[in-house]
Amino acid sequence: MRYALDKENNKIEVSFSGELAKCGICDSNVKGRKGEQRIKHWYHHEKKTIDCDDWYEPISEWHLKWQNIFPKKNREVPITNNKVSHRADILLNNGLVIEIQNSPIKFSEIKKRELFYGKKNLIWILNGNNLAKNSILTKTYLHLSKS
């Protein structure tokens, strides 16, 4: 995850490896990683999983560029629905959620997210640069088509 909360509940990014903060969803301790191979991020060092949000995916430079278009307060915002919490890539002030998707995603996963956020409240930004030529929408993955 890109953001965690400091002792005053301010949304912060990792400043150095080993930095400690709290997860904005589960309130668990998280630890910062900042290196040269991966983008700086927080992880749940006391749990067996890297993240409490099962929709978590490692963030890419492409993803960061899209997120950085929006104010910090709108990035990686926890949303709770029926006692289940997920981080929206972007949550606008009017309640609209923007999901930024760099990697292939299963159609079943798209449906889950649409149910969680609401179809009318969700916009997808897909990275089409890595998709195969003339690919189509299949039951397994979402792809864009040239035709």
N, C-alpha and C. Protein backbone atom coordinates (compact mmCIF):
# COMPACT_ATOMS: atom_id res chain seq x y z
N MET A 1 0.84 -1.17 0.00
CA MET A 1 0.00 0.00 0.00
C MET A 1 0.89 1.23 0.00
N ARG A 2 0.40 2.25 -0.60
CA ARG A 2 1.18 3.48 -0.75
C ARG A 2 1.13 4.36 0.50
N TYR A 3 0.00 4.37 1.20
CA TYR A 3 -0.18 5.26 2.34
C TYR A 3 -0.49 4.49 3.61
N ALA A 4 -0.07 5.05 4.72
CA ALA A 4 -0.41 4.55 6.06
C ALA A 4 -0.68 5.78 6.92
N LEU A 5 -1.00 5.56 8.18
CA LEU A 5 -1.32 6.66 9.09
C LEU A 5 -0.24 6.80 10.16
N ASP A 6 0.18 8.05 10.41
CA ASP A 6 1.15 8.28 11.48
C ASP A 6 0.42 8.37 12.82
N LYS A 7 1.13 8.73 13.88
CA LYS A 7 0.54 8.77 15.23
C LYS A 7 -0.58 9.79 15.36
N GLU A 8 -0.59 10.80 14.49
CA GLU A 8 -1.64 11.82 14.52
C GLU A 8 -2.72 11.54 13.47
N ASN A 9 -2.71 10.34 12.90
CA ASN A 9 -3.66 9.91 11.85
C ASN A 9 -3.53 10.69 10.55
N ASN A 10 -2.35 11.22 10.28
CA ASN A 10 -2.08 11.86 9.00
C ASN A 10 -1.69 10.78 7.98
N LYS A 11 -2.17 10.93 6.77
CA LYS A 11 -1.83 10.00 5.68
C LYS A 11 -0.40 10.29 5.24
N ILE A 12 0.46 9.25 5.32
CA ILE A 12 1.88 9.45 4.99
C ILE A 12 2.38 8.37 4.04
N GLU A 13 3.42 8.72 3.28
CA GLU A 13 4.13 7.76 2.44
C GLU A 13 5.39 7.33 3.20
N VAL A 14 5.99 6.25 2.75
CA VAL A 14 7.22 5.75 3.37
C VAL A 14 8.34 6.76 3.18
N SER A 15 9.03 7.11 4.27
CA SER A 15 10.20 7.98 4.20
C SER A 15 11.49 7.19 4.20
N PHE A 16 11.50 6.06 4.94
CA PHE A 16 12.70 5.23 5.02
C PHE A 16 12.30 3.79 5.35
N SER A 17 13.14 2.85 4.96
CA SER A 17 12.89 1.44 5.28
C SER A 17 12.89 1.24 6.79
N GLY A 18 11.91 0.48 7.25
CA GLY A 18 11.80 0.21 8.67
C GLY A 18 10.90 1.19 9.41
N GLU A 19 10.48 2.26 8.76
CA GLU A 19 9.57 3.23 9.37
C GLU A 19 8.28 2.52 9.79
N LEU A 20 7.72 2.91 10.93
CA LEU A 20 6.50 2.28 11.43
C LEU A 20 5.32 3.23 11.34
N ALA A 21 4.14 2.65 11.06
CA ALA A 21 2.90 3.42 10.98
C ALA A 21 1.74 2.44 11.19
N LYS A 22 0.51 2.92 10.97
CA LYS A 22 -0.69 2.10 11.13
C LYS A 22 -1.43 1.98 9.80
N CYS A 23 -2.04 0.83 9.59
CA CYS A 23 -2.86 0.60 8.40
C CYS A 23 -4.17 1.38 8.55
N GLY A 24 -4.59 2.05 7.49
CA GLY A 24 -5.83 2.82 7.50
C GLY A 24 -7.09 1.97 7.45
N ILE A 25 -6.95 0.68 7.17
CA ILE A 25 -8.12 -0.21 7.14
C ILE A 25 -8.24 -0.99 8.44
N CYS A 26 -7.20 -1.73 8.81
CA CYS A 26 -7.31 -2.66 9.95
C CYS A 26 -6.65 -2.14 11.22
N ASP A 27 -5.97 -1.00 11.16
CA ASP A 27 -5.31 -0.38 12.30
C ASP A 27 -4.11 -1.18 12.82
N SER A 28 -3.65 -2.17 12.04
CA SER A 28 -2.47 -2.95 12.42
C SER A 28 -1.20 -2.14 12.16
N ASN A 29 -0.11 -2.56 12.80
CA ASN A 29 1.18 -1.95 12.54
C ASN A 29 1.65 -2.32 11.14
N VAL A 30 2.19 -1.35 10.44
CA VAL A 30 2.80 -1.60 9.13
C VAL A 30 4.21 -1.04 9.15
N LYS A 31 5.03 -1.58 8.27
CA LYS A 31 6.44 -1.18 8.19
C LYS A 31 6.73 -0.72 6.78
N GLY A 32 7.56 0.31 6.67
CA GLY A 32 7.92 0.85 5.37
C GLY A 32 9.05 0.11 4.70
N ARG A 33 8.94 0.00 3.39
CA ARG A 33 10.03 -0.53 2.56
C ARG A 33 10.35 0.53 1.52
N LYS A 34 11.62 0.84 1.42
CA LYS A 34 12.06 1.81 0.42
C LYS A 34 13.40 1.34 -0.11
N GLY A 35 13.39 0.90 -1.36
CA GLY A 35 14.61 0.38 -1.95
C GLY A 35 14.74 0.84 -3.38
N GLU A 36 15.57 0.14 -4.14
CA GLU A 36 15.81 0.53 -5.52
C GLU A 36 15.07 -0.33 -6.52
N GLN A 37 14.60 -1.52 -6.12
CA GLN A 37 13.96 -2.42 -7.07
C GLN A 37 12.45 -2.24 -7.14
N ARG A 38 11.82 -1.90 -6.03
CA ARG A 38 10.38 -1.75 -6.01
C ARG A 38 10.01 -0.36 -5.53
N ILE A 39 8.81 0.07 -5.88
CA ILE A 39 8.31 1.36 -5.42
C ILE A 39 8.09 1.28 -3.91
N LYS A 40 8.42 2.36 -3.21
CA LYS A 40 8.26 2.38 -1.75
C LYS A 40 6.82 2.05 -1.37
N HIS A 41 6.68 1.29 -0.28
CA HIS A 41 5.34 0.86 0.12
C HIS A 41 5.35 0.42 1.59
N TRP A 42 4.15 0.28 2.14
CA TRP A 42 3.95 -0.22 3.49
C TRP A 42 3.50 -1.67 3.41
N TYR A 43 3.87 -2.46 4.41
CA TYR A 43 3.40 -3.85 4.46
C TYR A 43 3.11 -4.24 5.91
N HIS A 44 2.22 -5.21 6.06
CA HIS A 44 1.82 -5.73 7.37
C HIS A 44 2.89 -6.72 7.84
N HIS A 45 3.86 -6.26 8.56
CA HIS A 45 4.99 -7.11 8.94
C HIS A 45 4.65 -8.10 10.05
N GLU A 46 3.57 -7.90 10.77
CA GLU A 46 3.20 -8.80 11.86
C GLU A 46 2.19 -9.86 11.43
N LYS A 47 1.74 -9.78 10.19
CA LYS A 47 0.75 -10.74 9.68
C LYS A 47 1.38 -11.62 8.62
N LYS A 48 0.70 -12.69 8.28
CA LYS A 48 1.21 -13.61 7.26
C LYS A 48 0.99 -13.06 5.85
N THR A 49 0.04 -12.14 5.70
CA THR A 49 -0.21 -11.55 4.39
C THR A 49 0.42 -10.17 4.33
N ILE A 50 0.79 -9.75 3.12
CA ILE A 50 1.42 -8.44 2.95
C ILE A 50 0.40 -7.31 3.16
N ASP A 51 -0.89 -7.61 2.95
CA ASP A 51 -1.91 -6.57 3.01
C ASP A 51 -3.22 -7.15 3.50
N CYS A 52 -3.99 -6.38 4.26
CA CYS A 52 -5.29 -6.84 4.75
C CYS A 52 -6.37 -6.69 3.68
N ASP A 53 -6.13 -5.93 2.64
CA ASP A 53 -7.07 -5.78 1.53
C ASP A 53 -6.74 -6.84 0.49
N ASP A 54 -7.63 -7.80 0.29
CA ASP A 54 -7.33 -8.89 -0.64
C ASP A 54 -7.37 -8.45 -2.11
N TRP A 55 -7.70 -7.18 -2.36
CA TRP A 55 -7.60 -6.65 -3.72
C TRP A 55 -6.24 -6.00 -3.98
N TYR A 56 -5.37 -6.05 -3.01
CA TYR A 56 -4.05 -5.43 -3.13
C TYR A 56 -3.27 -6.01 -4.31
N GLU A 57 -2.62 -5.13 -5.05
CA GLU A 57 -1.66 -5.50 -6.10
C GLU A 57 -0.48 -4.56 -5.96
N PRO A 58 0.73 -5.03 -6.24
CA PRO A 58 1.88 -4.12 -6.20
C PRO A 58 1.66 -2.93 -7.14
N ILE A 59 2.07 -1.77 -6.70
CA ILE A 59 1.84 -0.56 -7.49
C ILE A 59 2.96 -0.39 -8.52
N SER A 60 2.59 0.12 -9.69
CA SER A 60 3.56 0.34 -10.78
C SER A 60 3.75 1.85 -10.99
N GLU A 61 4.78 2.19 -11.74
CA GLU A 61 5.02 3.61 -12.08
C GLU A 61 3.82 4.18 -12.84
N TRP A 62 3.26 3.38 -13.75
CA TRP A 62 2.09 3.79 -14.53
C TRP A 62 0.94 4.13 -13.59
N HIS A 63 0.72 3.28 -12.60
CA HIS A 63 -0.34 3.46 -11.60
C HIS A 63 -0.10 4.75 -10.80
N LEU A 64 1.15 4.94 -10.37
CA LEU A 64 1.51 6.15 -9.61
C LEU A 64 1.23 7.42 -10.39
N LYS A 65 1.57 7.41 -11.66
CA LYS A 65 1.36 8.61 -12.49
C LYS A 65 -0.12 8.97 -12.54
N TRP A 66 -0.98 7.97 -12.69
CA TRP A 66 -2.42 8.23 -12.71
C TRP A 66 -2.89 8.73 -11.35
N GLN A 67 -2.46 8.08 -10.28
CA GLN A 67 -2.89 8.51 -8.94
C GLN A 67 -2.44 9.94 -8.65
N ASN A 68 -1.25 10.29 -9.10
CA ASN A 68 -0.70 11.61 -8.79
C ASN A 68 -1.43 12.76 -9.48
N ILE A 69 -2.32 12.45 -10.40
CA ILE A 69 -3.14 13.49 -11.03
C ILE A 69 -4.10 14.08 -9.99
N PHE A 70 -4.46 13.27 -9.00
CA PHE A 70 -5.46 13.65 -8.02
C PHE A 70 -4.81 14.06 -6.70
N PRO A 71 -5.51 14.87 -5.90
CA PRO A 71 -4.96 15.27 -4.60
C PRO A 71 -4.71 14.06 -3.70
N LYS A 72 -3.75 14.18 -2.82
CA LYS A 72 -3.37 13.10 -1.90
C LYS A 72 -4.57 12.57 -1.12
N LYS A 73 -5.46 13.47 -0.69
CA LYS A 73 -6.61 13.05 0.13
C LYS A 73 -7.54 12.10 -0.62
N ASN A 74 -7.49 12.12 -1.96
CA ASN A 74 -8.36 11.27 -2.78
C ASN A 74 -7.72 9.94 -3.18
N ARG A 75 -6.44 9.75 -2.85
CA ARG A 75 -5.72 8.53 -3.26
C ARG A 75 -5.78 7.47 -2.17
N GLU A 76 -5.95 6.22 -2.60
CA GLU A 76 -5.97 5.07 -1.68
C GLU A 76 -6.84 5.35 -0.47
N VAL A 77 -8.12 5.52 -0.71
CA VAL A 77 -9.07 5.84 0.35
C VAL A 77 -9.81 4.58 0.79
N PRO A 78 -9.74 4.23 2.08
CA PRO A 78 -10.48 3.06 2.56
C PRO A 78 -11.99 3.28 2.48
N ILE A 79 -12.69 2.29 1.98
CA ILE A 79 -14.15 2.31 1.90
C ILE A 79 -14.65 1.03 2.57
N THR A 80 -15.64 1.17 3.44
CA THR A 80 -16.23 0.01 4.11
C THR A 80 -17.68 -0.13 3.66
N ASN A 81 -18.04 -1.35 3.29
CA ASN A 81 -19.38 -1.67 2.82
C ASN A 81 -19.75 -3.02 3.43
N ASN A 82 -20.80 -3.08 4.24
CA ASN A 82 -21.21 -4.32 4.90
C ASN A 82 -20.07 -4.98 5.67
N LYS A 83 -19.34 -4.18 6.43
CA LYS A 83 -18.23 -4.64 7.30
C LYS A 83 -17.03 -5.19 6.54
N VAL A 84 -16.97 -4.95 5.23
CA VAL A 84 -15.82 -5.33 4.40
C VAL A 84 -15.17 -4.04 3.93
N SER A 85 -13.83 -3.98 4.01
CA SER A 85 -13.12 -2.76 3.62
C SER A 85 -12.14 -3.03 2.48
N HIS A 86 -12.07 -2.06 1.57
CA HIS A 86 -11.11 -2.08 0.47
C HIS A 86 -10.60 -0.65 0.28
N ARG A 87 -9.44 -0.54 -0.36
CA ARG A 87 -8.87 0.76 -0.68
C ARG A 87 -9.22 1.12 -2.12
N ALA A 88 -9.94 2.21 -2.31
CA ALA A 88 -10.21 2.70 -3.66
C ALA A 88 -8.94 3.40 -4.15
N ASP A 89 -8.55 3.14 -5.40
CA ASP A 89 -7.38 3.84 -5.95
C ASP A 89 -7.59 5.34 -5.85
N ILE A 90 -8.77 5.78 -6.27
CA ILE A 90 -9.16 7.19 -6.18
C ILE A 90 -10.61 7.26 -5.72
N LEU A 91 -10.89 8.10 -4.74
CA LEU A 91 -12.27 8.39 -4.34
C LEU A 91 -12.46 9.89 -4.45
N LEU A 92 -13.29 10.29 -5.40
CA LEU A 92 -13.55 11.71 -5.60
C LEU A 92 -14.52 12.23 -4.54
N ASN A 93 -14.55 13.54 -4.37
CA ASN A 93 -15.41 14.16 -3.36
C ASN A 93 -16.89 13.87 -3.58
N ASN A 94 -17.29 13.60 -4.82
CA ASN A 94 -18.69 13.31 -5.13
C ASN A 94 -19.05 11.84 -4.95
N GLY A 95 -18.10 11.02 -4.45
CA GLY A 95 -18.36 9.60 -4.21
C GLY A 95 -17.99 8.68 -5.35
N LEU A 96 -17.53 9.23 -6.46
CA LEU A 96 -17.13 8.42 -7.61
C LEU A 96 -15.78 7.76 -7.33
N VAL A 97 -15.70 6.46 -7.60
CA VAL A 97 -14.47 5.69 -7.41
C VAL A 97 -13.81 5.48 -8.77
N ILE A 98 -12.50 5.67 -8.83
CA ILE A 98 -11.73 5.38 -10.04
C ILE A 98 -10.75 4.26 -9.71
N GLU A 99 -10.87 3.16 -10.43
CA GLU A 99 -9.95 2.03 -10.27
C GLU A 99 -8.94 2.09 -11.40
N ILE A 100 -7.67 2.05 -11.08
CA ILE A 100 -6.58 2.12 -12.05
C ILE A 100 -6.00 0.72 -12.17
N GLN A 101 -6.11 0.13 -13.37
CA GLN A 101 -5.73 -1.27 -13.54
C GLN A 101 -4.63 -1.40 -14.59
N ASN A 102 -3.45 -1.82 -14.15
CA ASN A 102 -2.30 -1.98 -15.03
C ASN A 102 -2.15 -3.41 -15.54
N SER A 103 -2.58 -4.38 -14.76
CA SER A 103 -2.41 -5.79 -15.13
C SER A 103 -3.75 -6.40 -15.53
N PRO A 104 -3.72 -7.57 -16.19
CA PRO A 104 -4.98 -8.24 -16.53
C PRO A 104 -5.79 -8.51 -15.27
N ILE A 105 -7.10 -8.49 -15.43
CA ILE A 105 -7.98 -8.73 -14.29
C ILE A 105 -9.09 -9.67 -14.72
N LYS A 106 -9.41 -10.62 -13.88
CA LYS A 106 -10.47 -11.58 -14.20
C LYS A 106 -11.82 -10.87 -14.23
N PHE A 107 -12.67 -11.33 -15.13
CA PHE A 107 -14.00 -10.76 -15.26
C PHE A 107 -14.76 -10.89 -13.94
N SER A 108 -14.59 -12.00 -13.25
CA SER A 108 -15.26 -12.20 -11.96
C SER A 108 -14.80 -11.16 -10.93
N GLU A 109 -13.55 -10.74 -11.03
CA GLU A 109 -13.03 -9.72 -10.12
C GLU A 109 -13.63 -8.35 -10.43
N ILE A 110 -13.82 -8.07 -11.71
CA ILE A 110 -14.47 -6.81 -12.10
C ILE A 110 -15.88 -6.76 -11.51
N LYS A 111 -16.60 -7.86 -11.63
CA LYS A 111 -17.96 -7.93 -11.10
C LYS A 111 -17.99 -7.71 -9.59
N LYS A 112 -17.03 -8.31 -8.87
CA LYS A 112 -16.95 -8.13 -7.42
C LYS A 112 -16.77 -6.66 -7.06
N ARG A 113 -15.89 -6.00 -7.78
CA ARG A 113 -15.61 -4.59 -7.48
C ARG A 113 -16.80 -3.71 -7.84
N GLU A 114 -17.47 -4.04 -8.94
CA GLU A 114 -18.67 -3.28 -9.31
C GLU A 114 -19.76 -3.44 -8.26
N LEU A 115 -19.91 -4.64 -7.73
CA LEU A 115 -20.90 -4.86 -6.66
C LEU A 115 -20.53 -4.09 -5.40
N PHE A 116 -19.25 -4.08 -5.07
CA PHE A 116 -18.79 -3.41 -3.86
C PHE A 116 -18.96 -1.89 -3.97
N TYR A 117 -18.49 -1.30 -5.06
CA TYR A 117 -18.52 0.15 -5.22
C TYR A 117 -19.83 0.65 -5.81
N GLY A 118 -20.52 -0.20 -6.55
CA GLY A 118 -21.73 0.21 -7.27
C GLY A 118 -21.38 0.57 -8.70
N LYS A 119 -22.05 -0.04 -9.66
CA LYS A 119 -21.73 0.17 -11.09
C LYS A 119 -21.77 1.64 -11.48
N LYS A 120 -22.71 2.39 -10.95
CA LYS A 120 -22.86 3.80 -11.32
C LYS A 120 -21.81 4.68 -10.66
N ASN A 121 -21.10 4.14 -9.69
CA ASN A 121 -20.12 4.93 -8.95
C ASN A 121 -18.68 4.54 -9.25
N LEU A 122 -18.46 3.79 -10.34
CA LEU A 122 -17.13 3.25 -10.61
C LEU A 122 -16.70 3.50 -12.05
N ILE A 123 -15.49 4.00 -12.20
CA ILE A 123 -14.87 4.19 -13.52
C ILE A 123 -13.56 3.42 -13.51
N TRP A 124 -13.28 2.72 -14.60
CA TRP A 124 -12.02 1.97 -14.74
C TRP A 124 -11.08 2.72 -15.67
N ILE A 125 -9.81 2.79 -15.31
CA ILE A 125 -8.76 3.25 -16.21
C ILE A 125 -7.87 2.04 -16.44
N LEU A 126 -7.83 1.56 -17.67
CA LEU A 126 -7.07 0.36 -18.02
C LEU A 126 -5.85 0.73 -18.83
N ASN A 127 -4.73 0.08 -18.56
CA ASN A 127 -3.52 0.28 -19.35
C ASN A 127 -3.60 -0.62 -20.57
N GLY A 128 -3.83 -0.04 -21.73
CA GLY A 128 -3.94 -0.81 -22.96
C GLY A 128 -2.60 -1.05 -23.64
N ASN A 129 -1.52 -0.48 -23.14
CA ASN A 129 -0.21 -0.62 -23.79
C ASN A 129 0.31 -2.05 -23.79
N ASN A 130 -0.05 -2.83 -22.79
CA ASN A 130 0.49 -4.17 -22.66
C ASN A 130 -0.45 -5.26 -23.17
N LEU A 131 -1.56 -4.87 -23.76
CA LEU A 131 -2.52 -5.86 -24.23
C LEU A 131 -2.14 -6.38 -25.60
N ALA A 132 -2.47 -7.63 -25.86
CA ALA A 132 -2.16 -8.25 -27.15
C ALA A 132 -2.98 -7.59 -28.26
N LYS A 133 -2.44 -7.60 -29.47
CA LYS A 133 -3.15 -7.05 -30.62
C LYS A 133 -4.43 -7.84 -30.86
N ASN A 134 -5.48 -7.12 -31.20
CA ASN A 134 -6.78 -7.72 -31.53
C ASN A 134 -7.34 -8.60 -30.42
N SER A 135 -7.02 -8.30 -29.19
CA SER A 135 -7.57 -9.09 -28.09
C SER A 135 -9.03 -8.72 -27.87
N ILE A 136 -9.74 -9.59 -27.19
CA ILE A 136 -11.18 -9.38 -26.99
C ILE A 136 -11.54 -9.58 -25.53
N LEU A 137 -12.76 -9.20 -25.19
CA LEU A 137 -13.28 -9.45 -23.86
C LEU A 137 -13.63 -10.92 -23.76
N THR A 138 -13.00 -11.60 -22.82
CA THR A 138 -13.27 -13.03 -22.63
C THR A 138 -13.83 -13.24 -21.23
N LYS A 139 -14.20 -14.45 -20.93
CA LYS A 139 -14.71 -14.75 -19.60
C LYS A 139 -13.61 -14.69 -18.55
N THR A 140 -12.37 -14.80 -18.95
CA THR A 140 -11.28 -14.84 -17.99
C THR A 140 -10.66 -13.47 -17.73
N TYR A 141 -10.34 -12.73 -18.79
CA TYR A 141 -9.68 -11.44 -18.62
C TYR A 141 -10.35 -10.37 -19.45
N LEU A 142 -10.20 -9.14 -18.99
CA LEU A 142 -10.70 -8.00 -19.73
C LEU A 142 -9.58 -7.49 -20.62
N HIS A 143 -9.85 -7.38 -21.91
CA HIS A 143 -8.90 -6.83 -22.86
C HIS A 143 -9.63 -5.88 -23.79
N LEU A 144 -8.93 -5.01 -24.41
CA LEU A 144 -9.50 -4.09 -25.38
C LEU A 144 -9.30 -4.63 -26.77
N SER A 145 -10.20 -4.28 -27.67
CA SER A 145 -10.12 -4.76 -29.04
C SER A 145 -9.95 -3.59 -29.98
N LYS A 146 -9.19 -3.78 -31.06
CA LYS A 146 -9.01 -2.73 -32.06
C LYS A 146 -10.22 -2.64 -32.99
N SER A 147 -10.95 -3.74 -33.13
CA SER A 147 -12.07 -3.72 -34.08
C SER A 147 -13.38 -3.40 -33.41
